[in-house]
Structure formats: structure tokens, C-alpha cells
Amino acid sequence: MAASFETLTLVSDENRLLLIDGKFVPAQSGETFPTFNPSTGEVLAQIAKGEKIDIDNAVAAARRAFTGPWAKMKPFERQEVILRFAELVDAHIEDFSRLDAMDMGAPITATRARRQRAVGMLRYYAAQCTHIAGSTLPNSLPGDVFAYTLKEPVGVVGAILPWNAPLTSAIWKIGPVLATGCTMVLKPSEIAPLSPLLLGKLALEAGVPPGVLNIVPGMGDAGAALAAHPDVDKIAFTGSGATGAEVLEASKGNFKRVTLELGGKSPDVVFADADLDKAVPGAAMGIFANTGQVCCAGSRLLVERSIYEEFTSRVADYARQLRVGDSLDEQTQLGPISSAGQLERVSGYLDISRQEGLEILTGGDRISAGANASGYFFEPTVIKASDNRSRIAREEIFGPVVAAIPFDDMSDAMRIANDTEYGLGAGIWTRDVAKAHAMAKAIRSGSVWVNCYGYLDPVVPFGGYGASGYGRESGVEQLQDYLETKSVMIQNG
């Protein structure tokens, strides 16, 4: 039976330190930083504050591990390690669920539901260990030349995580690293570092060699040092577009590979022929799940004009019925915003919407009274926008706020859906299969969901177009970003 939450996590000093070269150590400076429980506003833990010198030490450990036996290990052997890791994560899934609920504010019922995504991702990449292969190449070279390719690990990977899904975002990065024989320095968000640190502890228990997975919590300067480090071969970043641009610029020094999974302003398109009884809760939770703190959240609700008033009213009614509360309450459906700073950002966008004269159907304010007054709570909000020009319709808010925009026909829906710099996700609600296929092809987004929203699976690649970044996570497509292709040509005779 898994150790109790209290003894394994928050009470454990190991879950507050840096993991470098297989050991949990304090930061070289001795400094720490607080992480807060957004449901209460109280300090949850003090975490070792990694800085450039700690990043340097972690990268050096990762390089030593990469030149050691790990990258040369037989695929079956690495597979066994990853499967043991997956079993340990599964055994402690309640610990992870409670950590994520308290560290970033997702409802406990939602964090438990991420088990399949987290454990399934590790098992999926364990299976991929034995499928990484080059190919033989028929060629037109003179004489008798045997040509083939090898797939080799790219090297030391630096990963910079967001705060909105601490467990799953970490595993999205760790899985392909372990499968391909790379090594890693992982920098969690300072807002939610606890689950990634617990992952590091379990990875060591599973047999991941020292130095293969290093975890250095810290502030933005730690991430910048990792992105710029000359001995890092690849950076995998998930976060805002502004920070992504800084990561990309910092990475140029040694021409390292970069994968960017950035923000979105995703359209969720509802046609008049849709099953509205399914579309209402589907579209509502497409934006309100995780309190709207999802990069592919359906934050632009495009509704065919003939049903616009009815549908937006029903979504607003649905929002009013959502139970907002402490993330550890089993009845909570909508938890807090993850940080005080993000709460201020969301509140600021509602001030802008009022200045622009937009109609707020429901919500629009911070919850500042009652049991939730001390936390970072914000009402689920539905705003009517006559077109796609308002800031609430164009800029990523990362909160429980949706802009509802009418459209006239399919051509108009396509135009509005693509009228954005982003291209991460899109939803389509219709009974017309031909219409669904036409819309899916026309919308420039990395993922399109028809009569559902936000589904993610280890086998399905996820990533964006345009300002939503480039590269993919999940699926065999992600593996290729962690592999080099070497060509070999042998002249026979």
C-alpha cells in the first residue's frame, strides 16, 4: 500500500529540495521560495530556489549520465525501468492528486481523473522503447553501396514546465526522454513544483540512474539559464508566448533544438443543427475545466446566429450552477485561479470588457465573500461579443472567461475561427458529418474535436500552429524531436 500523503509529500524534506545527480540537495545559495495553496492563500511549502549555478550542476550531471550506460542500455532494459516508474506513479496517484489540488488548485476529482493520462503516457513510451529504429535505403549510388539510418538520442534535454497541470505536463516531457535514452534537467513552475519533485523521488526508486532526471525548481532566471546553457542539446518548453519567445532567443547560442507548446485562443464552434443538450455542457466545460487555465481552452464560443441567444443563455445558466470551492472538497467543480498574480490578470480583463461596453451574461467578478474569500476564486464568466475584435476575444486570458460570438454560416464560422494569431485547438458541434470534415480541414489548429472538447491521449499528437508554437507532444511524432538521424553508407567489395 502506498505511503500516506502526509508522510510522503509535504512532510518530506526531499519534496522541497533540488534533485541533482540522484541526490536531493538544497540550493547552492541556501535560499527558498514559498508555494501557496490557492484555495486558502496560505503558504503550502518552502521550496529550494535553484539558480544558474544549480542549473550548471544539473546539466553537468545530465551530461555525465548521457555519456554513461543509460543511452547505451538495451531498449528492453529501459522499457522495464519506465514500466516500474509507471507502476510507482500509479501506486501514489492519490498523493499526486492531492498535491496538484493544493499546489495549483484543480478540483481533487479532476486531478484524480488525470491518472489515465499520466500513467498511460509512461506506459505508452515504455512500449515505444522497442520500436525506435532506423531503416535500410535502396539507393542509386555508384557501385554496391549499403545505406541505412540509425536513430540516436539527441542528448541532454532541458524542460521548462507550466503550472496548470504539474503532474501530466512533467510526464509529457519525461516520457520521451526516458524512452529515447536522453537525459534531462527539468525546471518546474515556481507556482506548482511539488508533483514534479515527487516524480523525481519515484524515478530513482524505479531504477532511473542518477543524473538521468534532474529537477531544479526556481524562478524565471533558472529557466533562462537552462535555455541558454551551451551543453543542453534540446529545450522543451510549455508556457506563454512571451516567455516562449525569450526561450527561443536564449536557445540560439548553440543552435539547440526547441519545442514550444504555447498559448491559444481556441474557437469552439456550435452550429444550429448540433445536439444542444450535449453541446451546452461540452462547450461550458471546454472553457471552465481547470478554471479555464488550459492552453487549448475553448475561450471563443462561436454560435450560429439563429441559436445564439438561446445557446449563450443556456451556457450562462450552466456556469451559474457550477460549484466553486476549495480544491480538496469532493463536491467542487471549479477550483481557484492558481496564483494571486493570475487572479489579477483575469480581473483586469473583465475591467477591459466593461470599458469596451460588452455585455456580461454571468460572472465577471472575484469571489471576495464567504468561505472562499481568502482564496484566489473568480466567478465563471460568459461575455457576449458582437464580433471578434474585442480584446477579450483576441487575447489569451487563462481563466474561466468565454467570449460568445455569433456567426452567419459555415464560411463566416471559418473566417472567425481563423481570425487569430493562435492555432492550438478547436471544437465543432454539428450533426452534419460533411460539415464537420469541412470545418476540421479549414480551421488552422493543431487539434480539432468534433462533438467533444479537449480530449488528450498518449497516442494522439498535440501542438499548435502559428503563435501556439511548434513541435508536437504525445504520439510517435513527439519521439522524433528527441532523436537524431544518422546516415551510414558502406561501399561493399
Protein backbone atom coordinates (compact mmCIF):
# COMPACT_ATOMS: atom_id res chain seq x y z
CA MET A 1 0.00 0.00 0.00
CA ALA A 2 1.26 3.48 -0.84
CA ALA A 3 2.64 5.59 1.99
CA SER A 4 0.26 8.17 3.33
CA PHE A 5 0.07 11.59 1.74
CA GLU A 6 1.25 13.33 4.92
CA THR A 7 4.39 11.23 5.38
CA LEU A 8 5.36 11.02 1.72
CA THR A 9 4.93 14.53 0.44
CA LEU A 10 4.60 17.76 2.37
CA VAL A 11 6.36 16.46 5.48
CA SER A 12 9.18 15.04 3.36
CA ASP A 13 12.22 17.30 3.04
CA GLU A 14 13.01 15.55 -0.23
CA ASN A 15 9.92 17.07 -1.78
CA ARG A 16 11.26 20.58 -1.10
CA LEU A 17 14.82 20.21 -2.42
CA LEU A 18 16.57 20.08 -5.78
CA LEU A 19 17.23 16.69 -7.37
CA ILE A 20 20.72 16.70 -8.91
CA ASP A 21 22.73 13.61 -9.83
CA GLY A 22 20.47 11.28 -7.87
CA LYS A 23 20.56 13.28 -4.62
CA PHE A 24 18.14 15.74 -3.05
CA VAL A 25 20.15 18.82 -2.14
CA PRO A 26 19.48 22.42 -1.07
CA ALA A 27 20.16 25.24 -3.49
CA GLN A 28 23.76 26.44 -3.51
CA SER A 29 22.56 29.81 -2.22
CA GLY A 30 20.58 28.21 0.58
CA GLU A 31 17.57 30.29 -0.46
CA THR A 32 13.99 29.06 -0.69
CA PHE A 33 10.74 30.39 -2.09
CA PRO A 34 7.13 29.80 -0.98
CA THR A 35 4.47 27.94 -2.89
CA PHE A 36 0.88 28.80 -1.98
CA ASN A 37 -2.39 26.93 -1.67
CA PRO A 38 -4.67 28.97 -3.98
CA SER A 39 -7.78 27.75 -2.18
CA THR A 40 -6.69 29.47 1.03
CA GLY A 41 -3.90 31.87 0.06
CA GLU A 42 -1.71 30.23 2.71
CA VAL A 43 1.90 29.11 2.25
CA LEU A 44 1.93 25.42 1.40
CA ALA A 45 5.69 24.77 1.46
CA GLN A 46 9.10 26.40 1.17
CA ILE A 47 10.99 25.12 -1.88
CA ALA A 48 14.72 25.25 -2.58
CA LYS A 49 15.35 28.09 -5.03
CA GLY A 50 17.53 26.87 -7.86
CA GLU A 51 19.65 29.43 -9.71
CA LYS A 52 22.23 29.42 -12.51
CA ILE A 53 24.88 27.56 -10.52
CA ASP A 54 22.37 24.81 -9.69
CA ILE A 55 21.35 24.60 -13.34
CA ASP A 56 25.04 24.28 -14.26
CA ASN A 57 25.47 21.42 -11.78
CA ALA A 58 22.33 19.67 -13.03
CA VAL A 59 23.37 19.96 -16.68
CA ALA A 60 26.81 18.58 -15.84
CA ALA A 61 25.16 15.63 -14.09
CA ALA A 62 22.88 15.05 -17.06
CA ARG A 63 25.86 15.12 -19.45
CA ARG A 64 27.77 12.57 -17.36
CA ALA A 65 24.72 10.33 -17.26
CA PHE A 66 24.26 10.63 -21.02
CA THR A 67 27.83 9.56 -21.75
CA GLY A 68 27.43 6.70 -19.27
CA PRO A 69 25.50 3.46 -19.71
CA TRP A 70 21.97 4.95 -19.92
CA ALA A 71 21.95 5.88 -23.61
CA LYS A 72 23.60 2.55 -24.47
CA MET A 73 21.16 0.47 -22.44
CA LYS A 74 19.19 -2.18 -24.31
CA PRO A 75 15.68 -0.98 -25.25
CA PHE A 76 14.10 -3.75 -23.19
CA GLU A 77 16.07 -2.67 -20.12
CA ARG A 78 14.96 0.96 -20.44
CA GLN A 79 11.43 -0.27 -21.01
CA GLU A 80 11.48 -2.18 -17.73
CA VAL A 81 12.66 0.91 -15.84
CA ILE A 82 9.88 3.06 -17.32
CA LEU A 83 7.25 0.43 -16.53
CA ARG A 84 8.43 0.28 -12.90
CA PHE A 85 8.23 4.07 -12.82
CA ALA A 86 4.68 3.93 -14.18
CA GLU A 87 3.66 1.44 -11.51
CA LEU A 88 5.04 3.65 -8.75
CA VAL A 89 3.24 6.70 -10.13
CA ASP A 90 0.03 4.67 -10.25
CA ALA A 91 0.52 3.49 -6.67
CA HIS A 92 0.88 7.09 -5.49
CA ILE A 93 -1.77 8.65 -7.70
CA GLU A 94 -3.77 9.85 -4.69
CA ASP A 95 -0.68 11.67 -3.42
CA PHE A 96 -0.22 13.34 -6.79
CA SER A 97 -3.91 14.19 -6.98
CA ARG A 98 -3.86 15.92 -3.61
CA LEU A 99 -0.59 17.69 -4.36
CA ASP A 100 -1.88 19.13 -7.63
CA ALA A 101 -5.17 20.10 -5.99
CA MET A 102 -3.39 22.04 -3.24
CA ASP A 103 -0.44 23.35 -5.26
CA MET A 104 -2.32 24.70 -8.31
CA GLY A 105 -5.98 24.49 -7.38
CA ALA A 106 -7.57 21.93 -9.69
CA PRO A 107 -10.50 20.10 -8.03
CA ILE A 108 -9.47 16.80 -6.48
CA THR A 109 -11.98 14.94 -8.64
CA ALA A 110 -10.31 16.40 -11.74
CA THR A 111 -6.76 15.62 -10.63
CA ARG A 112 -7.74 12.02 -9.91
CA ALA A 113 -9.19 11.78 -13.41
CA ARG A 114 -5.73 12.53 -14.85
CA ARG A 115 -4.47 9.12 -13.74
CA GLN A 116 -5.03 7.50 -17.13
CA ARG A 117 -3.26 10.35 -18.93
CA ALA A 118 -0.27 10.33 -16.58
CA VAL A 119 0.26 6.61 -16.09
CA GLY A 120 -0.84 5.84 -19.64
CA MET A 121 1.75 8.24 -21.05
CA LEU A 122 4.59 6.46 -19.26
CA ARG A 123 3.33 3.05 -20.35
CA TYR A 124 2.95 4.27 -23.93
CA TYR A 125 6.54 5.49 -24.08
CA ALA A 126 7.75 2.32 -22.40
CA ALA A 127 6.21 0.45 -25.32
CA GLN A 128 7.95 2.76 -27.79
CA CYS A 129 11.41 1.81 -26.49
CA THR A 130 11.45 -1.31 -28.63
CA HIS A 131 10.08 0.44 -31.73
CA ILE A 132 12.76 3.09 -32.24
CA ALA A 133 14.50 2.03 -35.42
CA GLY A 134 16.27 3.31 -38.49
CA SER A 135 15.79 1.92 -41.98
CA THR A 136 17.67 0.46 -44.91
CA LEU A 137 17.65 2.65 -48.01
CA PRO A 138 17.67 1.46 -51.62
CA ASN A 139 19.90 3.96 -53.39
CA SER A 140 21.40 4.97 -56.73
CA LEU A 141 24.99 5.45 -55.59
CA PRO A 142 27.76 4.07 -57.81
CA GLY A 143 28.86 0.53 -57.10
CA ASP A 144 27.46 -1.66 -54.37
CA VAL A 145 26.58 0.66 -51.50
CA PHE A 146 24.61 -0.42 -48.46
CA ALA A 147 22.86 2.62 -46.96
CA TYR A 148 20.98 2.71 -43.69
CA THR A 149 19.96 5.09 -40.92
CA LEU A 150 20.33 4.97 -37.16
CA LYS A 151 18.14 6.72 -34.61
CA GLU A 152 20.16 8.10 -31.72
CA PRO A 153 19.19 10.15 -28.63
CA VAL A 154 19.61 13.88 -29.10
CA GLY A 155 21.44 14.26 -25.78
CA VAL A 156 20.75 16.47 -22.76
CA VAL A 157 17.23 17.91 -22.72
CA GLY A 158 16.13 20.96 -20.78
CA ALA A 159 12.41 21.07 -19.97
CA ILE A 160 10.56 24.10 -18.63
CA LEU A 161 7.08 23.36 -17.26
CA PRO A 162 3.86 25.34 -16.84
CA TRP A 163 1.85 25.41 -13.64
CA ASN A 164 -1.58 24.43 -14.89
CA ALA A 165 -1.09 20.62 -14.91
CA PRO A 166 2.01 19.81 -12.85
CA LEU A 167 1.92 16.00 -12.98
CA THR A 168 0.84 15.45 -16.56
CA SER A 169 2.96 18.22 -18.07
CA ALA A 170 6.04 16.77 -16.36
CA ILE A 171 5.32 13.27 -17.62
CA TRP A 172 4.73 14.59 -21.15
CA LYS A 173 8.36 15.74 -21.06
CA ILE A 174 9.90 12.87 -19.08
CA GLY A 175 8.33 10.01 -21.07
CA PRO A 176 10.07 10.56 -24.43
CA VAL A 177 13.35 11.45 -22.71
CA LEU A 178 13.48 8.10 -20.95
CA ALA A 179 12.28 6.15 -23.98
CA THR A 180 14.93 7.55 -26.31
CA GLY A 181 17.88 7.34 -23.93
CA CYS A 182 18.26 11.09 -23.43
CA THR A 183 18.89 12.72 -20.06
CA MET A 184 17.09 15.72 -18.61
CA VAL A 185 17.14 18.82 -16.46
CA LEU A 186 13.54 19.70 -15.63
CA LYS A 187 12.60 23.12 -14.30
CA PRO A 188 9.07 23.08 -12.77
CA SER A 189 6.99 26.20 -12.44
CA GLU A 190 7.63 28.07 -9.22
CA ILE A 191 3.84 28.15 -8.75
CA ALA A 192 3.41 24.36 -8.67
CA PRO A 193 6.68 22.42 -8.16
CA LEU A 194 5.61 19.67 -5.75
CA SER A 195 4.35 16.94 -8.08
CA PRO A 196 7.44 17.09 -10.34
CA LEU A 197 9.68 16.72 -7.27
CA LEU A 198 7.76 13.67 -6.12
CA LEU A 199 8.14 12.25 -9.63
CA GLY A 200 11.90 12.58 -9.22
CA LYS A 201 11.83 10.57 -5.99
CA LEU A 202 9.80 7.79 -7.60
CA ALA A 203 12.01 7.74 -10.71
CA LEU A 204 15.02 6.95 -8.54
CA GLU A 205 13.07 4.20 -6.77
CA ALA A 206 12.18 2.76 -10.18
CA GLY A 207 15.84 2.48 -11.15
CA VAL A 208 16.34 5.58 -13.28
CA PRO A 209 20.12 6.12 -12.88
CA PRO A 210 21.45 9.19 -11.06
CA GLY A 211 21.78 12.18 -13.36
CA VAL A 212 19.30 10.95 -15.94
CA LEU A 213 16.47 13.01 -14.41
CA ASN A 214 17.44 16.21 -12.57
CA ILE A 215 14.81 18.59 -11.19
CA VAL A 216 15.62 22.21 -10.35
CA PRO A 217 12.74 24.39 -9.12
CA GLY A 218 13.38 28.10 -9.32
CA MET A 219 12.24 31.39 -10.73
CA GLY A 220 12.48 32.73 -14.27
CA ASP A 221 16.26 33.17 -14.10
CA ALA A 222 16.69 29.41 -13.65
CA GLY A 223 14.65 28.74 -16.77
CA ALA A 224 16.64 31.35 -18.69
CA ALA A 225 19.92 29.74 -17.61
CA LEU A 226 18.68 26.36 -18.78
CA ALA A 227 17.54 27.68 -22.16
CA ALA A 228 20.87 29.42 -22.76
CA HIS A 229 23.12 26.64 -21.48
CA PRO A 230 25.67 25.61 -24.13
CA ASP A 231 25.69 21.95 -23.06
CA VAL A 232 21.93 21.47 -23.46
CA ASP A 233 21.03 19.87 -26.79
CA LYS A 234 17.27 20.43 -26.77
CA ILE A 235 14.73 22.60 -24.96
CA ALA A 236 11.10 21.59 -24.49
CA PHE A 237 9.01 24.50 -23.22
CA THR A 238 5.36 24.84 -22.32
CA GLY A 239 4.04 28.25 -21.29
CA SER A 240 3.17 31.72 -22.51
CA GLY A 241 4.09 33.10 -25.90
CA ALA A 242 6.12 35.93 -24.39
CA THR A 243 8.27 33.57 -22.35
CA GLY A 244 8.47 31.16 -25.27
CA ALA A 245 9.98 33.91 -27.42
CA GLU A 246 12.60 34.54 -24.73
CA VAL A 247 13.39 30.82 -24.55
CA LEU A 248 13.77 30.66 -28.32
CA GLU A 249 16.13 33.64 -28.36
CA ALA A 250 18.22 32.25 -25.49
CA SER A 251 18.49 28.87 -27.21
CA LYS A 252 20.15 30.26 -30.33
CA GLY A 253 23.62 30.26 -28.80
CA ASN A 254 24.35 26.63 -29.60
CA PHE A 255 21.57 26.04 -32.15
CA LYS A 256 19.80 23.64 -29.82
CA ARG A 257 16.52 22.09 -30.86
CA VAL A 258 13.46 23.80 -29.43
CA THR A 259 9.90 22.57 -28.99
CA LEU A 260 7.36 25.22 -27.98
CA GLU A 261 3.84 24.48 -26.73
CA LEU A 262 2.42 27.95 -26.20
CA GLY A 263 -0.94 29.62 -25.71
CA GLY A 264 -4.20 29.66 -27.58
CA LYS A 265 -7.47 31.44 -28.20
CA SER A 266 -9.32 28.40 -29.40
CA PRO A 267 -12.69 28.58 -31.18
CA ASP A 268 -15.49 26.25 -30.11
CA VAL A 269 -17.98 26.36 -32.99
CA VAL A 270 -21.64 25.46 -32.40
CA PHE A 271 -23.94 25.02 -35.41
CA ALA A 272 -27.73 25.21 -35.23
CA ASP A 273 -28.01 21.52 -36.15
CA ALA A 274 -25.94 20.40 -33.15
CA ASP A 275 -27.31 18.34 -30.29
CA LEU A 276 -27.60 21.29 -27.93
CA ASP A 277 -28.16 19.14 -24.85
CA LYS A 278 -24.65 17.78 -25.38
CA ALA A 279 -23.13 20.96 -26.76
CA VAL A 280 -24.08 23.14 -23.76
CA PRO A 281 -22.15 21.18 -21.10
CA GLY A 282 -19.45 20.28 -23.62
CA ALA A 283 -18.77 23.88 -24.60
CA ALA A 284 -19.09 25.09 -21.00
CA MET A 285 -16.51 22.64 -19.69
CA GLY A 286 -14.35 23.33 -22.74
CA ILE A 287 -13.66 26.68 -21.11
CA PHE A 288 -14.39 26.17 -17.41
CA ALA A 289 -12.45 22.92 -16.86
CA ASN A 290 -9.34 23.59 -14.77
CA THR A 291 -10.85 27.06 -14.14
CA GLY A 292 -10.06 28.00 -17.73
CA GLN A 293 -6.33 27.51 -17.16
CA VAL A 294 -5.81 25.30 -20.18
CA CYS A 295 -3.75 26.31 -23.20
CA CYS A 296 -6.35 24.89 -25.61
CA ALA A 297 -9.42 26.10 -23.65
CA GLY A 298 -12.39 26.92 -25.87
CA SER A 299 -12.33 30.58 -24.90
CA ARG A 300 -14.04 31.82 -28.08
CA LEU A 301 -17.54 30.35 -28.31
CA LEU A 302 -18.73 30.78 -31.90
CA VAL A 303 -22.50 30.22 -32.14
CA GLU A 304 -24.69 30.21 -35.24
CA ARG A 305 -26.81 33.35 -35.12
CA SER A 306 -30.18 31.57 -35.23
CA ILE A 307 -29.47 29.89 -31.86
CA TYR A 308 -27.10 32.49 -30.41
CA GLU A 309 -29.42 33.95 -27.75
CA GLU A 310 -30.74 30.56 -26.63
CA PHE A 311 -27.35 28.87 -26.53
CA THR A 312 -25.45 31.62 -24.75
CA SER A 313 -28.23 31.84 -22.19
CA ARG A 314 -28.03 28.09 -21.55
CA VAL A 315 -24.24 28.19 -21.19
CA ALA A 316 -24.59 31.07 -18.71
CA ASP A 317 -27.16 29.06 -16.74
CA TYR A 318 -24.75 26.10 -16.70
CA ALA A 319 -21.95 28.35 -15.43
CA ARG A 320 -24.11 29.68 -12.59
CA GLN A 321 -24.76 26.13 -11.39
CA LEU A 322 -21.09 25.16 -11.15
CA ARG A 323 -19.97 24.67 -7.57
CA VAL A 324 -16.95 26.86 -6.87
CA GLY A 325 -14.86 25.93 -3.85
CA ASP A 326 -11.80 24.51 -2.14
CA SER A 327 -9.92 22.16 -4.44
CA LEU A 328 -9.90 19.37 -1.84
CA ASP A 329 -13.70 19.44 -1.46
CA GLU A 330 -15.11 16.40 -3.25
CA GLN A 331 -18.11 18.49 -4.38
CA THR A 332 -16.07 21.26 -6.00
CA GLN A 333 -16.44 21.61 -9.77
CA LEU A 334 -14.50 24.85 -10.24
CA GLY A 335 -11.40 25.50 -8.16
CA PRO A 336 -9.43 28.70 -7.65
CA ILE A 337 -7.16 30.55 -10.04
CA SER A 338 -3.65 29.20 -9.46
CA SER A 339 -1.96 32.35 -8.17
CA ALA A 340 -2.67 35.85 -6.93
CA GLY A 341 -0.93 37.31 -9.96
CA GLN A 342 -3.06 35.32 -12.38
CA LEU A 343 -6.20 36.33 -10.49
CA GLU A 344 -5.27 39.98 -11.01
CA ARG A 345 -4.72 39.33 -14.71
CA VAL A 346 -8.17 37.77 -15.13
CA SER A 347 -9.80 40.58 -13.15
CA GLY A 348 -8.05 43.12 -15.35
CA TYR A 349 -9.54 41.63 -18.50
CA LEU A 350 -13.02 41.97 -17.06
CA ASP A 351 -12.33 45.65 -16.39
CA ILE A 352 -11.32 45.97 -20.05
CA SER A 353 -14.52 44.23 -21.18
CA ARG A 354 -16.63 46.65 -19.18
CA GLN A 355 -14.72 49.59 -20.67
CA GLU A 356 -15.40 48.17 -24.14
CA GLY A 357 -19.12 48.03 -23.34
CA LEU A 358 -19.51 44.26 -23.64
CA GLU A 359 -22.47 42.51 -22.02
CA ILE A 360 -21.57 40.14 -19.20
CA LEU A 361 -24.24 37.45 -19.04
CA THR A 362 -22.94 35.92 -15.83
CA GLY A 363 -19.94 36.19 -13.53
CA GLY A 364 -17.30 38.81 -14.06
CA ASP A 365 -16.02 39.28 -10.52
CA ARG A 366 -13.66 37.88 -7.96
CA ILE A 367 -15.36 35.95 -5.17
CA SER A 368 -14.47 38.04 -2.14
CA ALA A 369 -17.03 36.95 0.44
CA GLY A 370 -17.98 33.76 2.23
CA ALA A 371 -15.95 30.57 2.60
CA ASN A 372 -13.85 31.27 -0.49
CA ALA A 373 -12.92 34.86 0.32
CA SER A 374 -9.30 34.14 1.27
CA GLY A 375 -8.52 32.13 -1.86
CA TYR A 376 -7.99 33.14 -5.47
CA PHE A 377 -11.52 32.49 -6.71
CA PHE A 378 -13.21 34.01 -9.74
CA GLU A 379 -16.75 33.55 -11.00
CA PRO A 380 -17.25 31.53 -14.20
CA THR A 381 -17.95 34.22 -16.76
CA VAL A 382 -19.83 34.38 -20.07
CA ILE A 383 -19.49 37.56 -22.16
CA LYS A 384 -21.43 38.44 -25.30
CA ALA A 385 -19.18 39.85 -28.02
CA SER A 386 -20.76 41.03 -31.27
CA ASP A 387 -17.61 40.23 -33.25
CA ASN A 388 -14.03 39.00 -32.95
CA ARG A 389 -12.42 42.42 -32.46
CA SER A 390 -12.61 42.92 -28.69
CA ARG A 391 -9.56 42.17 -26.58
CA ILE A 392 -11.48 39.54 -24.66
CA ALA A 393 -11.91 37.69 -27.98
CA ARG A 394 -8.34 38.10 -29.20
CA GLU A 395 -6.02 37.76 -26.20
CA GLU A 396 -5.39 34.70 -24.07
CA ILE A 397 -6.78 35.26 -20.57
CA PHE A 398 -6.13 31.86 -18.96
CA GLY A 399 -9.13 31.97 -16.69
CA PRO A 400 -12.83 30.98 -16.56
CA VAL A 401 -13.92 33.56 -19.12
CA VAL A 402 -15.53 32.88 -22.51
CA ALA A 403 -16.37 35.34 -25.28
CA ALA A 404 -19.53 34.27 -27.16
CA ILE A 405 -19.51 35.46 -30.80
CA PRO A 406 -22.30 34.95 -33.37
CA PHE A 407 -21.70 33.78 -36.95
CA ASP A 408 -23.98 33.60 -40.00
CA ASP A 409 -22.93 30.47 -41.91
CA MET A 410 -20.11 27.96 -42.28
CA SER A 411 -17.97 30.34 -44.31
CA ASP A 412 -18.36 33.01 -41.65
CA ALA A 413 -17.51 30.49 -38.92
CA MET A 414 -14.32 29.51 -40.75
CA ARG A 415 -13.33 33.15 -41.13
CA ILE A 416 -13.84 33.99 -37.45
CA ALA A 417 -12.23 30.76 -36.25
CA ASN A 418 -9.05 31.54 -38.20
CA ASP A 419 -9.02 35.24 -37.30
CA THR A 420 -6.36 34.77 -34.62
CA GLU A 421 -2.61 34.50 -34.30
CA TYR A 422 -3.06 31.23 -32.41
CA GLY A 423 -3.79 27.74 -33.66
CA LEU A 424 -3.78 25.21 -30.83
CA GLY A 425 -7.27 23.73 -30.56
CA ALA A 426 -10.78 23.99 -31.98
CA GLY A 427 -14.17 22.43 -31.31
CA ILE A 428 -17.03 21.74 -33.72
CA TRP A 429 -20.58 20.81 -32.71
CA THR A 430 -22.81 19.54 -35.52
CA ARG A 431 -24.80 16.50 -36.62
CA ASP A 432 -23.65 17.03 -40.23
CA VAL A 433 -20.62 14.81 -40.90
CA ALA A 434 -19.70 16.60 -44.13
CA LYS A 435 -19.82 19.95 -42.34
CA ALA A 436 -17.63 18.57 -39.55
CA HIS A 437 -14.99 17.35 -42.02
CA ALA A 438 -15.04 20.63 -43.95
CA MET A 439 -14.61 22.68 -40.79
CA ALA A 440 -11.88 20.39 -39.42
CA LYS A 441 -9.91 20.81 -42.63
CA ALA A 442 -10.43 24.58 -42.82
CA ILE A 443 -9.52 25.52 -39.25
CA ARG A 444 -5.79 26.07 -38.74
CA SER A 445 -5.34 24.35 -35.40
CA GLY A 446 -3.17 21.50 -34.23
CA SER A 447 -6.12 19.66 -32.66
CA VAL A 448 -9.78 19.64 -33.67
CA TRP A 449 -12.51 18.00 -31.59
CA VAL A 450 -15.91 17.20 -33.10
CA ASN A 451 -18.87 16.85 -30.71
CA CYS A 452 -16.43 16.77 -27.79
CA TYR A 453 -13.72 19.04 -26.48
CA GLY A 454 -10.22 18.82 -25.03
CA TYR A 455 -9.64 15.07 -25.34
CA LEU A 456 -5.96 14.09 -24.95
CA ASP A 457 -4.42 10.65 -25.35
CA PRO A 458 -0.82 9.38 -25.37
CA VAL A 459 -1.09 8.15 -28.97
CA VAL A 460 -2.50 11.42 -30.37
CA PRO A 461 -0.01 14.24 -31.13
CA PHE A 462 -0.73 17.63 -29.57
CA GLY A 463 0.68 21.00 -30.59
CA GLY A 464 -0.10 24.19 -32.44
CA TYR A 465 0.15 26.41 -35.47
CA GLY A 466 1.39 30.00 -35.53
CA ALA A 467 1.75 31.72 -32.15
CA SER A 468 0.75 28.48 -30.42
CA GLY A 469 4.25 27.14 -31.05
CA TYR A 470 5.75 24.28 -32.99
CA GLY A 471 6.65 20.66 -32.44
CA ARG A 472 4.31 18.08 -31.00
CA GLU A 473 3.79 16.34 -27.70
CA SER A 474 2.41 12.80 -27.40
CA GLY A 475 2.42 10.17 -30.10
CA VAL A 476 5.31 8.95 -32.21
CA GLU A 477 5.67 12.50 -33.56
CA GLN A 478 7.00 13.63 -30.19
CA LEU A 479 9.64 10.90 -30.13
CA GLN A 480 11.25 12.21 -33.31
CA ASP A 481 12.05 15.52 -31.59
CA TYR A 482 14.26 13.62 -29.14
CA LEU A 483 16.14 11.61 -31.78
CA GLU A 484 18.93 12.33 -34.24
CA THR A 485 19.03 10.55 -37.59
CA LYS A 486 22.45 9.28 -38.64
CA SER A 487 23.04 8.10 -42.21
CA VAL A 488 25.58 5.33 -42.83
CA MET A 489 26.83 4.29 -46.30
CA ILE A 490 29.12 1.30 -46.77
CA GLN A 491 30.90 0.58 -50.05
CA ASN A 492 30.93 -3.18 -50.47
CA GLY A 493 33.64 -5.02 -52.38
